Amino acid sequence: MRLTPAQIDTIKSTAQALLGEGAQVTLFGSRVHDQQKGGDVDLYVETAHPDLMKKIRCKVSLQDQLDMPVDLIVKPHGDHSPIAMIAKQEGIRL
């Protein structure tokens, strides 16, 4: 995984603060693979009450703190959409 422990802590704490205490964060995409280079941070988050404005605030905050592009997908707990399945199967829960 191509994130530092400090970056992981930032992601988790920001998601919890802005999306709710029960927010579950999964990293997926290119940052999961150590041998790849570059790329944005792809995050899949499940939360009790997805809210568009909270998602936007979280994305902007993460991009500012991490100083890199962030793709943020926020879905309700138990979502079974195709992107949810990919993130859960190929990703790493933070």
N, C-alpha and C. Protein backbone atom coordinates (compact mmCIF):
# COMPACT_ATOMS: atom_id res chain seq x y z
N MET A 1 0.84 -1.17 0.00
CA MET A 1 0.00 0.00 0.00
C MET A 1 0.90 1.24 0.00
N ARG A 2 0.57 2.17 -0.88
CA ARG A 2 1.40 3.37 -1.01
C ARG A 2 0.80 4.57 -0.28
N LEU A 3 0.61 4.39 1.03
CA LEU A 3 0.24 5.48 1.92
C LEU A 3 1.06 5.33 3.19
N THR A 4 1.45 6.45 3.77
CA THR A 4 2.19 6.40 5.03
C THR A 4 1.21 6.22 6.19
N PRO A 5 1.72 5.77 7.34
CA PRO A 5 0.83 5.69 8.51
C PRO A 5 0.17 7.03 8.85
N ALA A 6 0.89 8.13 8.67
CA ALA A 6 0.32 9.45 8.95
C ALA A 6 -0.82 9.77 7.96
N GLN A 7 -0.64 9.41 6.69
CA GLN A 7 -1.70 9.64 5.70
C GLN A 7 -2.93 8.79 6.03
N ILE A 8 -2.72 7.56 6.45
CA ILE A 8 -3.84 6.68 6.82
C ILE A 8 -4.59 7.28 8.01
N ASP A 9 -3.87 7.74 9.01
CA ASP A 9 -4.51 8.36 10.17
C ASP A 9 -5.31 9.60 9.76
N THR A 10 -4.75 10.40 8.87
CA THR A 10 -5.44 11.60 8.38
C THR A 10 -6.74 11.22 7.67
N ILE A 11 -6.67 10.22 6.82
CA ILE A 11 -7.86 9.78 6.07
C ILE A 11 -8.93 9.28 7.03
N LYS A 12 -8.55 8.43 7.95
CA LYS A 12 -9.53 7.85 8.87
C LYS A 12 -10.14 8.91 9.78
N SER A 13 -9.32 9.76 10.35
CA SER A 13 -9.84 10.77 11.28
C SER A 13 -10.72 11.80 10.57
N THR A 14 -10.35 12.18 9.36
CA THR A 14 -11.14 13.14 8.60
C THR A 14 -12.48 12.54 8.20
N ALA A 15 -12.46 11.29 7.74
CA ALA A 15 -13.72 10.62 7.36
C ALA A 15 -14.64 10.49 8.57
N GLN A 16 -14.09 10.11 9.71
CA GLN A 16 -14.90 9.96 10.92
C GLN A 16 -15.48 11.31 11.35
N ALA A 17 -14.67 12.35 11.30
CA ALA A 17 -15.11 13.68 11.74
C ALA A 17 -16.18 14.28 10.82
N LEU A 18 -16.01 14.09 9.52
CA LEU A 18 -16.90 14.75 8.56
C LEU A 18 -18.05 13.88 8.06
N LEU A 19 -17.87 12.56 8.08
CA LEU A 19 -18.90 11.66 7.54
C LEU A 19 -19.60 10.85 8.63
N GLY A 20 -19.12 10.93 9.86
CA GLY A 20 -19.77 10.23 10.96
C GLY A 20 -18.87 9.19 11.60
N GLU A 21 -19.08 8.95 12.88
CA GLU A 21 -18.26 8.02 13.65
C GLU A 21 -18.22 6.61 13.06
N GLY A 22 -19.28 6.18 12.44
CA GLY A 22 -19.33 4.82 11.91
C GLY A 22 -18.80 4.68 10.49
N ALA A 23 -18.18 5.72 9.96
CA ALA A 23 -17.68 5.67 8.59
C ALA A 23 -16.59 4.61 8.46
N GLN A 24 -16.75 3.73 7.47
CA GLN A 24 -15.77 2.67 7.21
C GLN A 24 -15.06 3.00 5.89
N VAL A 25 -13.75 3.15 5.94
CA VAL A 25 -12.97 3.61 4.79
C VAL A 25 -12.18 2.45 4.18
N THR A 26 -12.27 2.33 2.86
CA THR A 26 -11.51 1.33 2.11
C THR A 26 -10.71 2.04 1.02
N LEU A 27 -9.42 1.76 0.97
CA LEU A 27 -8.55 2.24 -0.10
C LEU A 27 -8.60 1.24 -1.24
N PHE A 28 -8.80 1.72 -2.47
CA PHE A 28 -8.75 0.82 -3.62
C PHE A 28 -8.05 1.55 -4.76
N GLY A 29 -7.88 0.89 -5.88
CA GLY A 29 -7.21 1.51 -7.03
C GLY A 29 -5.71 1.35 -6.96
N SER A 30 -5.00 2.24 -7.67
CA SER A 30 -3.56 2.09 -7.86
C SER A 30 -2.75 2.20 -6.58
N ARG A 31 -3.21 2.95 -5.59
CA ARG A 31 -2.44 3.12 -4.35
C ARG A 31 -2.37 1.85 -3.51
N VAL A 32 -3.16 0.86 -3.84
CA VAL A 32 -3.11 -0.42 -3.13
C VAL A 32 -1.85 -1.19 -3.53
N HIS A 33 -1.34 -0.94 -4.72
CA HIS A 33 -0.23 -1.71 -5.29
C HIS A 33 1.10 -0.99 -5.10
N ASP A 34 2.01 -1.62 -4.37
CA ASP A 34 3.31 -1.02 -4.07
C ASP A 34 4.16 -0.77 -5.31
N GLN A 35 4.03 -1.59 -6.33
CA GLN A 35 4.89 -1.49 -7.50
C GLN A 35 4.46 -0.38 -8.48
N GLN A 36 3.28 0.15 -8.33
CA GLN A 36 2.82 1.22 -9.23
C GLN A 36 3.30 2.57 -8.72
N LYS A 37 3.22 3.57 -9.59
CA LYS A 37 3.66 4.92 -9.23
C LYS A 37 2.55 5.92 -9.51
N GLY A 38 2.60 7.02 -8.77
CA GLY A 38 1.65 8.10 -9.00
C GLY A 38 0.23 7.70 -8.69
N GLY A 39 -0.69 8.44 -9.26
CA GLY A 39 -2.10 8.13 -9.09
C GLY A 39 -2.73 8.88 -7.94
N ASP A 40 -4.04 9.01 -8.02
CA ASP A 40 -4.77 9.66 -6.97
C ASP A 40 -5.08 8.66 -5.86
N VAL A 41 -5.74 9.14 -4.82
CA VAL A 41 -6.14 8.28 -3.71
C VAL A 41 -7.62 7.95 -3.91
N ASP A 42 -7.91 6.68 -4.19
CA ASP A 42 -9.30 6.24 -4.40
C ASP A 42 -9.82 5.68 -3.08
N LEU A 43 -10.88 6.32 -2.57
CA LEU A 43 -11.45 5.90 -1.29
C LEU A 43 -12.92 5.57 -1.45
N TYR A 44 -13.31 4.45 -0.87
CA TYR A 44 -14.70 4.04 -0.82
C TYR A 44 -15.09 4.09 0.65
N VAL A 45 -16.14 4.85 0.97
CA VAL A 45 -16.56 5.01 2.36
C VAL A 45 -18.02 4.61 2.50
N GLU A 46 -18.29 3.77 3.49
CA GLU A 46 -19.67 3.44 3.84
C GLU A 46 -20.01 4.16 5.14
N THR A 47 -21.17 4.80 5.15
CA THR A 47 -21.61 5.54 6.32
C THR A 47 -23.12 5.38 6.48
N ALA A 48 -23.61 5.67 7.67
CA ALA A 48 -25.03 5.49 7.96
C ALA A 48 -25.91 6.42 7.14
N HIS A 49 -25.46 7.67 6.99
CA HIS A 49 -26.29 8.66 6.30
C HIS A 49 -25.46 9.45 5.30
N PRO A 50 -25.28 8.93 4.08
CA PRO A 50 -24.51 9.67 3.07
C PRO A 50 -25.15 11.04 2.80
N ASP A 51 -24.32 12.05 2.69
CA ASP A 51 -24.78 13.42 2.47
C ASP A 51 -23.82 14.09 1.49
N LEU A 52 -24.35 14.66 0.43
CA LEU A 52 -23.51 15.23 -0.63
C LEU A 52 -22.61 16.34 -0.11
N MET A 53 -23.12 17.24 0.69
CA MET A 53 -22.30 18.35 1.18
C MET A 53 -21.19 17.86 2.11
N LYS A 54 -21.48 16.86 2.93
CA LYS A 54 -20.44 16.30 3.79
C LYS A 54 -19.38 15.60 2.96
N LYS A 55 -19.80 14.93 1.89
CA LYS A 55 -18.85 14.27 1.00
C LYS A 55 -17.91 15.30 0.36
N ILE A 56 -18.49 16.40 -0.11
CA ILE A 56 -17.67 17.44 -0.75
C ILE A 56 -16.68 18.03 0.26
N ARG A 57 -17.14 18.32 1.47
CA ARG A 57 -16.24 18.86 2.50
C ARG A 57 -15.11 17.88 2.81
N CYS A 58 -15.46 16.61 2.89
CA CYS A 58 -14.45 15.58 3.19
C CYS A 58 -13.42 15.49 2.07
N LYS A 59 -13.88 15.47 0.84
CA LYS A 59 -12.97 15.38 -0.31
C LYS A 59 -12.01 16.56 -0.35
N VAL A 60 -12.54 17.76 -0.19
CA VAL A 60 -11.70 18.97 -0.21
C VAL A 60 -10.71 18.96 0.94
N SER A 61 -11.17 18.60 2.13
CA SER A 61 -10.29 18.54 3.29
C SER A 61 -9.16 17.53 3.09
N LEU A 62 -9.50 16.35 2.58
CA LEU A 62 -8.48 15.33 2.35
C LEU A 62 -7.46 15.78 1.30
N GLN A 63 -7.94 16.37 0.23
CA GLN A 63 -7.01 16.84 -0.81
C GLN A 63 -6.07 17.91 -0.25
N ASP A 64 -6.59 18.80 0.58
CA ASP A 64 -5.75 19.84 1.19
C ASP A 64 -4.72 19.23 2.14
N GLN A 65 -5.16 18.29 2.97
CA GLN A 65 -4.26 17.71 3.96
C GLN A 65 -3.22 16.77 3.35
N LEU A 66 -3.63 15.99 2.35
CA LEU A 66 -2.73 15.02 1.74
C LEU A 66 -1.90 15.62 0.61
N ASP A 67 -2.35 16.76 0.11
CA ASP A 67 -1.69 17.44 -1.01
C ASP A 67 -1.60 16.53 -2.24
N MET A 68 -2.71 15.83 -2.52
CA MET A 68 -2.81 14.99 -3.71
C MET A 68 -4.29 14.82 -4.05
N PRO A 69 -4.59 14.47 -5.30
CA PRO A 69 -5.99 14.28 -5.69
C PRO A 69 -6.63 13.09 -4.97
N VAL A 70 -7.89 13.25 -4.61
CA VAL A 70 -8.65 12.20 -3.93
C VAL A 70 -9.95 11.96 -4.68
N ASP A 71 -10.23 10.70 -5.00
CA ASP A 71 -11.54 10.29 -5.52
C ASP A 71 -12.27 9.66 -4.34
N LEU A 72 -13.43 10.22 -4.01
CA LEU A 72 -14.15 9.78 -2.82
C LEU A 72 -15.55 9.30 -3.22
N ILE A 73 -15.84 8.05 -2.90
CA ILE A 73 -17.16 7.48 -3.14
C ILE A 73 -17.77 7.20 -1.78
N VAL A 74 -18.95 7.76 -1.54
CA VAL A 74 -19.63 7.57 -0.25
C VAL A 74 -20.97 6.91 -0.50
N LYS A 75 -21.18 5.77 0.15
CA LYS A 75 -22.41 4.98 -0.01
C LYS A 75 -22.94 4.58 1.36
N PRO A 76 -24.21 4.19 1.43
CA PRO A 76 -24.74 3.71 2.71
C PRO A 76 -24.16 2.35 3.06
N HIS A 77 -24.13 2.04 4.36
CA HIS A 77 -23.65 0.73 4.80
C HIS A 77 -24.41 -0.38 4.06
N GLY A 78 -23.67 -1.40 3.63
CA GLY A 78 -24.28 -2.55 2.97
C GLY A 78 -24.60 -2.36 1.51
N ASP A 79 -24.08 -1.29 0.89
CA ASP A 79 -24.34 -1.05 -0.53
C ASP A 79 -23.77 -2.19 -1.37
N HIS A 80 -24.49 -2.57 -2.42
CA HIS A 80 -24.05 -3.67 -3.29
C HIS A 80 -23.91 -3.23 -4.74
N SER A 81 -23.63 -1.94 -4.96
CA SER A 81 -23.42 -1.45 -6.32
C SER A 81 -22.12 -2.03 -6.87
N PRO A 82 -21.94 -2.00 -8.19
CA PRO A 82 -20.71 -2.56 -8.77
C PRO A 82 -19.43 -1.94 -8.20
N ILE A 83 -19.42 -0.61 -8.00
CA ILE A 83 -18.21 0.01 -7.46
C ILE A 83 -17.96 -0.43 -6.02
N ALA A 84 -19.03 -0.65 -5.27
CA ALA A 84 -18.89 -1.14 -3.90
C ALA A 84 -18.26 -2.53 -3.89
N MET A 85 -18.70 -3.37 -4.78
CA MET A 85 -18.18 -4.74 -4.85
C MET A 85 -16.70 -4.73 -5.23
N ILE A 86 -16.33 -3.90 -6.20
CA ILE A 86 -14.92 -3.80 -6.62
C ILE A 86 -14.06 -3.30 -5.46
N ALA A 87 -14.50 -2.23 -4.82
CA ALA A 87 -13.72 -1.65 -3.72
C ALA A 87 -13.54 -2.65 -2.59
N LYS A 88 -14.60 -3.37 -2.25
CA LYS A 88 -14.52 -4.32 -1.14
C LYS A 88 -13.67 -5.54 -1.48
N GLN A 89 -13.71 -6.00 -2.74
CA GLN A 89 -12.95 -7.18 -3.14
C GLN A 89 -11.48 -6.88 -3.36
N GLU A 90 -11.18 -5.72 -3.97
CA GLU A 90 -9.80 -5.41 -4.35
C GLU A 90 -9.12 -4.44 -3.41
N GLY A 91 -9.88 -3.81 -2.52
CA GLY A 91 -9.33 -2.76 -1.67
C GLY A 91 -8.81 -3.26 -0.34
N ILE A 92 -8.30 -2.31 0.43
CA ILE A 92 -7.78 -2.56 1.76
C ILE A 92 -8.54 -1.66 2.73
N ARG A 93 -9.16 -2.26 3.72
CA ARG A 93 -9.89 -1.50 4.73
C ARG A 93 -8.89 -0.78 5.62
N LEU A 94 -9.09 0.52 5.79
CA LEU A 94 -8.18 1.31 6.63
C LEU A 94 -8.66 1.36 8.07
